[in-house]
N, C-alpha and C. Protein backbone atom coordinates (compact mmCIF):
# COMPACT_ATOMS: atom_id res chain seq x y z
N MET A 1 -2.20 -30.00 24.29
CA MET A 1 -0.80 -30.03 23.82
C MET A 1 -0.63 -31.07 22.72
N ALA A 2 -1.15 -32.29 22.95
CA ALA A 2 -1.02 -33.34 21.95
C ALA A 2 -1.76 -32.99 20.67
N VAL A 3 -2.95 -32.42 20.81
CA VAL A 3 -3.74 -32.05 19.62
C VAL A 3 -2.99 -30.99 18.82
N ALA A 4 -2.43 -30.00 19.50
CA ALA A 4 -1.69 -28.95 18.82
C ALA A 4 -0.48 -29.53 18.10
N THR A 5 0.18 -30.50 18.73
CA THR A 5 1.34 -31.14 18.10
C THR A 5 0.93 -31.88 16.84
N ILE A 6 -0.20 -32.60 16.91
CA ILE A 6 -0.69 -33.35 15.75
C ILE A 6 -1.06 -32.38 14.62
N VAL A 7 -1.80 -31.33 14.97
CA VAL A 7 -2.20 -30.34 13.96
C VAL A 7 -0.96 -29.70 13.35
N GLY A 8 0.02 -29.37 14.19
CA GLY A 8 1.27 -28.78 13.69
C GLY A 8 1.98 -29.72 12.74
N ALA A 9 2.04 -31.00 13.10
CA ALA A 9 2.71 -31.98 12.24
C ALA A 9 2.01 -32.11 10.90
N ILE A 10 0.67 -32.13 10.92
CA ILE A 10 -0.10 -32.23 9.68
C ILE A 10 0.12 -30.97 8.83
N THR A 11 0.12 -29.82 9.47
CA THR A 11 0.34 -28.56 8.75
C THR A 11 1.71 -28.55 8.10
N VAL A 12 2.73 -28.95 8.85
CA VAL A 12 4.09 -28.99 8.30
C VAL A 12 4.16 -29.99 7.16
N ALA A 13 3.56 -31.16 7.33
CA ALA A 13 3.58 -32.17 6.27
C ALA A 13 2.90 -31.64 5.01
N GLY A 14 1.78 -30.95 5.18
CA GLY A 14 1.08 -30.37 4.04
C GLY A 14 1.91 -29.31 3.35
N ALA A 15 2.58 -28.48 4.15
CA ALA A 15 3.42 -27.43 3.58
C ALA A 15 4.59 -28.04 2.83
N VAL A 16 5.19 -29.07 3.41
CA VAL A 16 6.31 -29.75 2.74
C VAL A 16 5.85 -30.36 1.43
N GLY A 17 4.68 -31.00 1.44
CA GLY A 17 4.15 -31.59 0.22
C GLY A 17 3.89 -30.55 -0.85
N ALA A 18 3.28 -29.44 -0.47
CA ALA A 18 2.99 -28.37 -1.42
C ALA A 18 4.28 -27.78 -1.98
N LEU A 19 5.27 -27.58 -1.10
CA LEU A 19 6.55 -27.03 -1.55
C LEU A 19 7.25 -28.02 -2.47
N ALA A 20 7.19 -29.30 -2.16
CA ALA A 20 7.84 -30.30 -3.00
C ALA A 20 7.23 -30.30 -4.40
N ILE A 21 5.90 -30.21 -4.48
CA ILE A 21 5.23 -30.16 -5.78
C ILE A 21 5.64 -28.90 -6.54
N ARG A 22 5.64 -27.77 -5.84
CA ARG A 22 5.99 -26.51 -6.49
C ARG A 22 7.45 -26.52 -6.93
N MET A 23 8.32 -27.06 -6.11
CA MET A 23 9.74 -27.13 -6.46
C MET A 23 9.93 -28.03 -7.67
N TYR A 24 9.19 -29.13 -7.73
CA TYR A 24 9.28 -30.05 -8.88
C TYR A 24 8.81 -29.36 -10.15
N ASN A 25 7.73 -28.59 -10.06
CA ASN A 25 7.16 -27.93 -11.23
C ASN A 25 8.02 -26.78 -11.72
N THR A 26 8.82 -26.19 -10.82
CA THR A 26 9.64 -25.03 -11.22
C THR A 26 11.10 -25.34 -10.94
N SER A 27 11.58 -26.44 -11.54
CA SER A 27 12.93 -26.92 -11.25
C SER A 27 14.00 -25.94 -11.74
N SER A 28 13.65 -25.05 -12.67
CA SER A 28 14.64 -24.10 -13.19
C SER A 28 15.13 -23.15 -12.10
N SER A 29 14.27 -22.87 -11.11
CA SER A 29 14.67 -22.00 -10.00
C SER A 29 14.71 -22.79 -8.70
N ALA A 30 15.20 -24.04 -8.79
CA ALA A 30 15.14 -24.95 -7.64
C ALA A 30 15.93 -24.42 -6.46
N HIS A 31 17.08 -23.82 -6.70
CA HIS A 31 17.91 -23.36 -5.59
C HIS A 31 17.18 -22.33 -4.74
N GLY A 32 16.57 -21.36 -5.38
CA GLY A 32 15.81 -20.35 -4.65
C GLY A 32 14.63 -20.95 -3.91
N ASP A 33 13.96 -21.92 -4.54
CA ASP A 33 12.82 -22.56 -3.88
C ASP A 33 13.27 -23.36 -2.67
N ILE A 34 14.41 -24.03 -2.78
CA ILE A 34 14.92 -24.80 -1.64
C ILE A 34 15.24 -23.86 -0.49
N GLN A 35 15.88 -22.73 -0.79
CA GLN A 35 16.17 -21.76 0.26
C GLN A 35 14.88 -21.28 0.91
N ARG A 36 13.88 -20.96 0.09
CA ARG A 36 12.61 -20.49 0.63
C ARG A 36 11.94 -21.58 1.46
N ALA A 37 12.04 -22.82 1.01
CA ALA A 37 11.43 -23.93 1.75
C ALA A 37 12.02 -24.02 3.15
N TYR A 38 13.35 -23.90 3.25
CA TYR A 38 13.98 -23.95 4.57
C TYR A 38 13.53 -22.78 5.43
N GLU A 39 13.43 -21.60 4.84
CA GLU A 39 12.98 -20.43 5.60
C GLU A 39 11.55 -20.63 6.09
N ILE A 40 10.68 -21.12 5.22
CA ILE A 40 9.28 -21.34 5.60
C ILE A 40 9.18 -22.41 6.67
N LEU A 41 9.92 -23.51 6.49
CA LEU A 41 9.88 -24.58 7.49
C LEU A 41 10.39 -24.08 8.83
N GLY A 42 11.44 -23.25 8.80
CA GLY A 42 11.95 -22.69 10.05
C GLY A 42 10.89 -21.85 10.73
N THR A 43 10.18 -21.04 9.96
CA THR A 43 9.12 -20.20 10.51
C THR A 43 8.01 -21.06 11.09
N ILE A 44 7.59 -22.08 10.35
CA ILE A 44 6.51 -22.96 10.81
C ILE A 44 6.93 -23.67 12.10
N SER A 45 8.16 -24.15 12.14
CA SER A 45 8.63 -24.87 13.33
C SER A 45 8.60 -23.97 14.55
N HIS A 46 9.02 -22.72 14.38
CA HIS A 46 9.01 -21.80 15.52
C HIS A 46 7.58 -21.49 15.97
N GLN A 47 6.66 -21.39 15.03
CA GLN A 47 5.27 -21.11 15.38
C GLN A 47 4.62 -22.32 16.04
N ALA A 48 4.98 -23.53 15.60
CA ALA A 48 4.34 -24.75 16.09
C ALA A 48 4.68 -25.01 17.55
N TYR A 49 5.87 -24.62 17.98
CA TYR A 49 6.26 -24.94 19.35
C TYR A 49 6.19 -23.71 20.20
């Protein structure tokens, strides 16, 4: 359980970092990227637990 939680946290952190970089690089469509980021994070959170 603890290992899965740690792996999940690392995966989420990596996804957030990748999304932040992508959102920064494509700031012209930031609103859509932010919406997608929330959707992806929601999906990851549901899968992690």
